[in-house]
Amino acid sequence: MIGNKREMRHSDGFTIIELLITVAIAAVLVSVAIPSFKSMQERNQVITMANDLAGAVLSARSEAVKTETTITLKKDGDWSSGWKIIGKNTDG
């Protein structure tokens, strides 16, 4: 096309409209993902506490078998504050 005064322009960047649309889409996706992430984090905390308690029970059982004594697993305040493993001859 010799003599054509219109030439196609080539652009290497983004327009402000494209950037605003991208930011809006990202904001929507983040707002949907945050509540899901929070509930997942709460579930993981519960699972961790349950695993810690199960480990304490197994540890108390092992200690009872090893020492051939009665071992007690006692809460320290409430269960979320932790617990103690108390042997028969311990004041604890």
N, C-alpha and C. Protein backbone atom coordinates (compact mmCIF):
# COMPACT_ATOMS: atom_id res chain seq x y z
N MET A 1 0.82 -1.17 0.00
CA MET A 1 0.00 0.00 0.00
C MET A 1 0.87 1.24 0.00
N ILE A 2 1.38 1.49 -1.09
CA ILE A 2 2.24 2.67 -1.24
C ILE A 2 1.35 3.90 -1.27
N GLY A 3 1.76 4.90 -0.55
CA GLY A 3 1.03 6.16 -0.55
C GLY A 3 -0.08 6.21 0.50
N ASN A 4 -0.27 5.15 1.27
CA ASN A 4 -1.29 5.17 2.31
C ASN A 4 -0.80 6.04 3.46
N LYS A 5 -1.58 7.08 3.77
CA LYS A 5 -1.15 8.02 4.79
C LYS A 5 -1.39 7.47 6.20
N ARG A 6 -2.29 6.55 6.32
CA ARG A 6 -2.57 5.97 7.64
C ARG A 6 -1.64 4.78 7.87
N GLU A 7 -0.95 4.84 8.94
CA GLU A 7 -0.11 3.71 9.33
C GLU A 7 -0.56 3.24 10.70
N MET A 8 -0.47 1.95 10.91
CA MET A 8 -0.86 1.40 12.21
C MET A 8 0.22 1.73 13.23
N ARG A 9 -0.24 2.21 14.38
CA ARG A 9 0.72 2.51 15.45
C ARG A 9 0.94 1.26 16.29
N HIS A 10 2.15 1.10 16.71
CA HIS A 10 2.51 -0.04 17.55
C HIS A 10 2.78 0.49 18.96
N SER A 11 2.13 -0.12 19.97
CA SER A 11 2.28 0.33 21.34
C SER A 11 2.85 -0.81 22.18
N ASP A 12 3.79 -0.47 23.04
CA ASP A 12 4.42 -1.47 23.91
C ASP A 12 3.85 -1.45 25.32
N GLY A 13 2.97 -0.52 25.65
CA GLY A 13 2.49 -0.37 27.02
C GLY A 13 1.01 -0.69 27.16
N PHE A 14 0.49 -0.39 28.36
CA PHE A 14 -0.92 -0.59 28.66
C PHE A 14 -1.58 0.77 28.80
N THR A 15 -2.85 0.83 28.51
CA THR A 15 -3.59 2.06 28.73
C THR A 15 -4.04 2.12 30.17
N ILE A 16 -4.42 3.30 30.62
CA ILE A 16 -4.87 3.46 32.00
C ILE A 16 -6.15 2.67 32.24
N ILE A 17 -6.99 2.53 31.25
CA ILE A 17 -8.23 1.76 31.38
C ILE A 17 -7.90 0.28 31.61
N GLU A 18 -6.97 -0.24 30.86
CA GLU A 18 -6.56 -1.64 31.04
C GLU A 18 -6.00 -1.88 32.44
N LEU A 19 -5.20 -0.94 32.93
CA LEU A 19 -4.65 -1.08 34.27
C LEU A 19 -5.73 -1.01 35.34
N LEU A 20 -6.70 -0.10 35.19
CA LEU A 20 -7.78 0.02 36.16
C LEU A 20 -8.64 -1.23 36.20
N ILE A 21 -8.91 -1.80 35.03
CA ILE A 21 -9.70 -3.03 34.98
C ILE A 21 -8.95 -4.18 35.65
N THR A 22 -7.66 -4.26 35.42
CA THR A 22 -6.83 -5.30 36.04
C THR A 22 -6.82 -5.15 37.55
N VAL A 23 -6.67 -3.93 38.05
CA VAL A 23 -6.66 -3.69 39.49
C VAL A 23 -8.03 -4.02 40.09
N ALA A 24 -9.11 -3.69 39.40
CA ALA A 24 -10.46 -3.98 39.90
C ALA A 24 -10.68 -5.49 39.99
N ILE A 25 -10.27 -6.22 38.99
CA ILE A 25 -10.41 -7.68 39.00
C ILE A 25 -9.58 -8.28 40.14
N ALA A 26 -8.36 -7.79 40.32
CA ALA A 26 -7.51 -8.28 41.40
C ALA A 26 -8.14 -8.00 42.76
N ALA A 27 -8.75 -6.83 42.93
CA ALA A 27 -9.39 -6.47 44.20
C ALA A 27 -10.56 -7.41 44.50
N VAL A 28 -11.34 -7.75 43.49
CA VAL A 28 -12.47 -8.67 43.67
C VAL A 28 -11.95 -10.05 44.07
N LEU A 29 -10.94 -10.52 43.40
CA LEU A 29 -10.39 -11.85 43.71
C LEU A 29 -9.82 -11.89 45.13
N VAL A 30 -9.14 -10.85 45.55
CA VAL A 30 -8.57 -10.80 46.90
C VAL A 30 -9.68 -10.75 47.94
N SER A 31 -10.72 -9.98 47.68
CA SER A 31 -11.81 -9.88 48.65
C SER A 31 -12.55 -11.21 48.80
N VAL A 32 -12.55 -12.03 47.79
CA VAL A 32 -13.17 -13.35 47.87
C VAL A 32 -12.23 -14.34 48.58
N ALA A 33 -10.94 -14.20 48.39
CA ALA A 33 -9.98 -15.16 48.93
C ALA A 33 -9.70 -14.97 50.42
N ILE A 34 -9.78 -13.76 50.94
CA ILE A 34 -9.40 -13.50 52.33
C ILE A 34 -10.27 -14.25 53.33
N PRO A 35 -11.61 -14.24 53.23
CA PRO A 35 -12.40 -15.02 54.20
C PRO A 35 -12.09 -16.52 54.15
N SER A 36 -11.87 -17.03 52.97
CA SER A 36 -11.53 -18.44 52.81
C SER A 36 -10.20 -18.74 53.49
N PHE A 37 -9.24 -17.86 53.35
CA PHE A 37 -7.93 -18.04 53.97
C PHE A 37 -8.06 -18.01 55.49
N LYS A 38 -8.89 -17.12 56.02
CA LYS A 38 -9.06 -17.01 57.47
C LYS A 38 -9.66 -18.30 58.04
N SER A 39 -10.68 -18.84 57.39
CA SER A 39 -11.27 -20.08 57.90
C SER A 39 -10.29 -21.24 57.80
N MET A 40 -9.48 -21.26 56.77
CA MET A 40 -8.47 -22.31 56.63
C MET A 40 -7.45 -22.20 57.77
N GLN A 41 -7.07 -20.98 58.12
CA GLN A 41 -6.12 -20.78 59.20
C GLN A 41 -6.71 -21.23 60.54
N GLU A 42 -7.99 -20.95 60.78
CA GLU A 42 -8.64 -21.38 62.02
C GLU A 42 -8.72 -22.91 62.09
N ARG A 43 -9.04 -23.55 60.96
CA ARG A 43 -9.08 -25.02 60.91
C ARG A 43 -7.71 -25.60 61.24
N ASN A 44 -6.67 -25.01 60.69
CA ASN A 44 -5.31 -25.49 60.94
C ASN A 44 -4.92 -25.34 62.40
N GLN A 45 -5.37 -24.26 63.06
CA GLN A 45 -5.08 -24.09 64.48
C GLN A 45 -5.76 -25.17 65.30
N VAL A 46 -7.01 -25.50 64.97
CA VAL A 46 -7.73 -26.54 65.70
C VAL A 46 -7.04 -27.89 65.49
N ILE A 47 -6.66 -28.18 64.28
CA ILE A 47 -5.98 -29.44 63.98
C ILE A 47 -4.65 -29.52 64.74
N THR A 48 -3.92 -28.41 64.80
CA THR A 48 -2.64 -28.38 65.52
C THR A 48 -2.84 -28.65 67.00
N MET A 49 -3.86 -28.01 67.59
CA MET A 49 -4.12 -28.23 69.01
C MET A 49 -4.53 -29.67 69.28
N ALA A 50 -5.34 -30.25 68.39
CA ALA A 50 -5.76 -31.65 68.55
C ALA A 50 -4.56 -32.58 68.45
N ASN A 51 -3.66 -32.30 67.52
CA ASN A 51 -2.46 -33.13 67.39
C ASN A 51 -1.55 -32.99 68.61
N ASP A 52 -1.44 -31.77 69.15
CA ASP A 52 -0.63 -31.57 70.36
C ASP A 52 -1.21 -32.35 71.53
N LEU A 53 -2.54 -32.32 71.68
CA LEU A 53 -3.17 -33.06 72.77
C LEU A 53 -2.99 -34.57 72.59
N ALA A 54 -3.15 -35.04 71.37
CA ALA A 54 -2.94 -36.47 71.10
C ALA A 54 -1.50 -36.87 71.41
N GLY A 55 -0.56 -36.00 71.08
CA GLY A 55 0.84 -36.27 71.40
C GLY A 55 1.08 -36.32 72.90
N ALA A 56 0.42 -35.44 73.64
CA ALA A 56 0.56 -35.44 75.09
C ALA A 56 -0.03 -36.71 75.70
N VAL A 57 -1.16 -37.17 75.17
CA VAL A 57 -1.77 -38.41 75.66
C VAL A 57 -0.83 -39.59 75.39
N LEU A 58 -0.26 -39.65 74.21
CA LEU A 58 0.67 -40.73 73.89
C LEU A 58 1.93 -40.66 74.75
N SER A 59 2.39 -39.45 75.02
CA SER A 59 3.57 -39.28 75.87
C SER A 59 3.26 -39.73 77.29
N ALA A 60 2.09 -39.38 77.81
CA ALA A 60 1.69 -39.81 79.16
C ALA A 60 1.57 -41.32 79.22
N ARG A 61 1.00 -41.90 78.18
CA ARG A 61 0.86 -43.37 78.14
C ARG A 61 2.22 -44.04 78.14
N SER A 62 3.13 -43.50 77.32
CA SER A 62 4.47 -44.06 77.24
C SER A 62 5.18 -43.95 78.59
N GLU A 63 5.04 -42.81 79.25
CA GLU A 63 5.67 -42.62 80.55
C GLU A 63 5.08 -43.58 81.59
N ALA A 64 3.77 -43.80 81.52
CA ALA A 64 3.12 -44.73 82.45
C ALA A 64 3.62 -46.16 82.25
N VAL A 65 3.79 -46.56 81.01
CA VAL A 65 4.30 -47.91 80.73
C VAL A 65 5.75 -48.03 81.16
N LYS A 66 6.54 -47.00 80.89
CA LYS A 66 7.96 -47.03 81.21
C LYS A 66 8.20 -47.07 82.71
N THR A 67 7.47 -46.27 83.48
CA THR A 67 7.70 -46.18 84.92
C THR A 67 6.79 -47.09 85.73
N GLU A 68 5.85 -47.72 85.06
CA GLU A 68 4.87 -48.60 85.70
C GLU A 68 4.14 -47.89 86.84
N THR A 69 3.77 -46.65 86.60
CA THR A 69 3.01 -45.85 87.58
C THR A 69 1.82 -45.21 86.88
N THR A 70 0.96 -44.61 87.69
CA THR A 70 -0.18 -43.88 87.15
C THR A 70 0.26 -42.50 86.73
N ILE A 71 -0.07 -42.12 85.54
CA ILE A 71 0.25 -40.80 85.01
C ILE A 71 -1.06 -40.09 84.70
N THR A 72 -1.13 -38.83 85.10
CA THR A 72 -2.34 -38.04 84.87
C THR A 72 -2.05 -36.90 83.92
N LEU A 73 -2.95 -36.68 82.99
CA LEU A 73 -2.88 -35.53 82.09
C LEU A 73 -3.88 -34.52 82.63
N LYS A 74 -3.38 -33.40 83.14
CA LYS A 74 -4.22 -32.42 83.81
C LYS A 74 -4.19 -31.10 83.05
N LYS A 75 -5.37 -30.48 82.90
CA LYS A 75 -5.41 -29.20 82.20
C LYS A 75 -4.79 -28.11 83.06
N ASP A 76 -4.16 -27.16 82.41
CA ASP A 76 -3.50 -26.05 83.09
C ASP A 76 -4.38 -24.81 82.91
N GLY A 77 -5.32 -24.59 83.81
CA GLY A 77 -6.32 -23.55 83.62
C GLY A 77 -7.45 -24.11 82.79
N ASP A 78 -7.50 -23.76 81.52
CA ASP A 78 -8.41 -24.43 80.59
C ASP A 78 -7.55 -25.14 79.53
N TRP A 79 -8.16 -25.97 78.75
CA TRP A 79 -7.40 -26.80 77.82
C TRP A 79 -6.64 -25.98 76.78
N SER A 80 -7.14 -24.79 76.47
CA SER A 80 -6.44 -23.97 75.47
C SER A 80 -5.15 -23.38 76.03
N SER A 81 -5.03 -23.33 77.37
CA SER A 81 -3.81 -22.82 78.00
C SER A 81 -2.71 -23.87 78.07
N GLY A 82 -3.09 -25.12 77.87
CA GLY A 82 -2.11 -26.19 77.91
C GLY A 82 -2.47 -27.24 78.94
N TRP A 83 -1.54 -28.13 79.21
CA TRP A 83 -1.79 -29.22 80.13
C TRP A 83 -0.48 -29.67 80.76
N LYS A 84 -0.61 -30.46 81.80
CA LYS A 84 0.56 -31.00 82.51
C LYS A 84 0.46 -32.52 82.53
N ILE A 85 1.60 -33.16 82.48
CA ILE A 85 1.66 -34.60 82.66
C ILE A 85 2.22 -34.83 84.06
N ILE A 86 1.41 -35.44 84.92
CA ILE A 86 1.76 -35.57 86.33
C ILE A 86 1.89 -37.04 86.69
N GLY A 87 3.02 -37.38 87.31
CA GLY A 87 3.25 -38.73 87.77
C GLY A 87 2.63 -38.96 89.14
N LYS A 88 2.50 -40.20 89.53
CA LYS A 88 1.85 -40.56 90.79
C LYS A 88 2.57 -39.95 91.99
N ASN A 89 3.89 -39.92 91.97
CA ASN A 89 4.66 -39.43 93.10
C ASN A 89 5.04 -37.95 92.97
N THR A 90 4.47 -37.24 91.99
CA THR A 90 4.78 -35.84 91.76
C THR A 90 3.68 -34.97 92.34
N ASP A 91 4.06 -33.88 93.02
CA ASP A 91 3.08 -32.97 93.59
C ASP A 91 2.36 -32.17 92.53
N GLY A 92 3.06 -31.75 91.44
CA GLY A 92 2.70 -31.01 90.30
C GLY A 92 1.41 -30.49 90.08
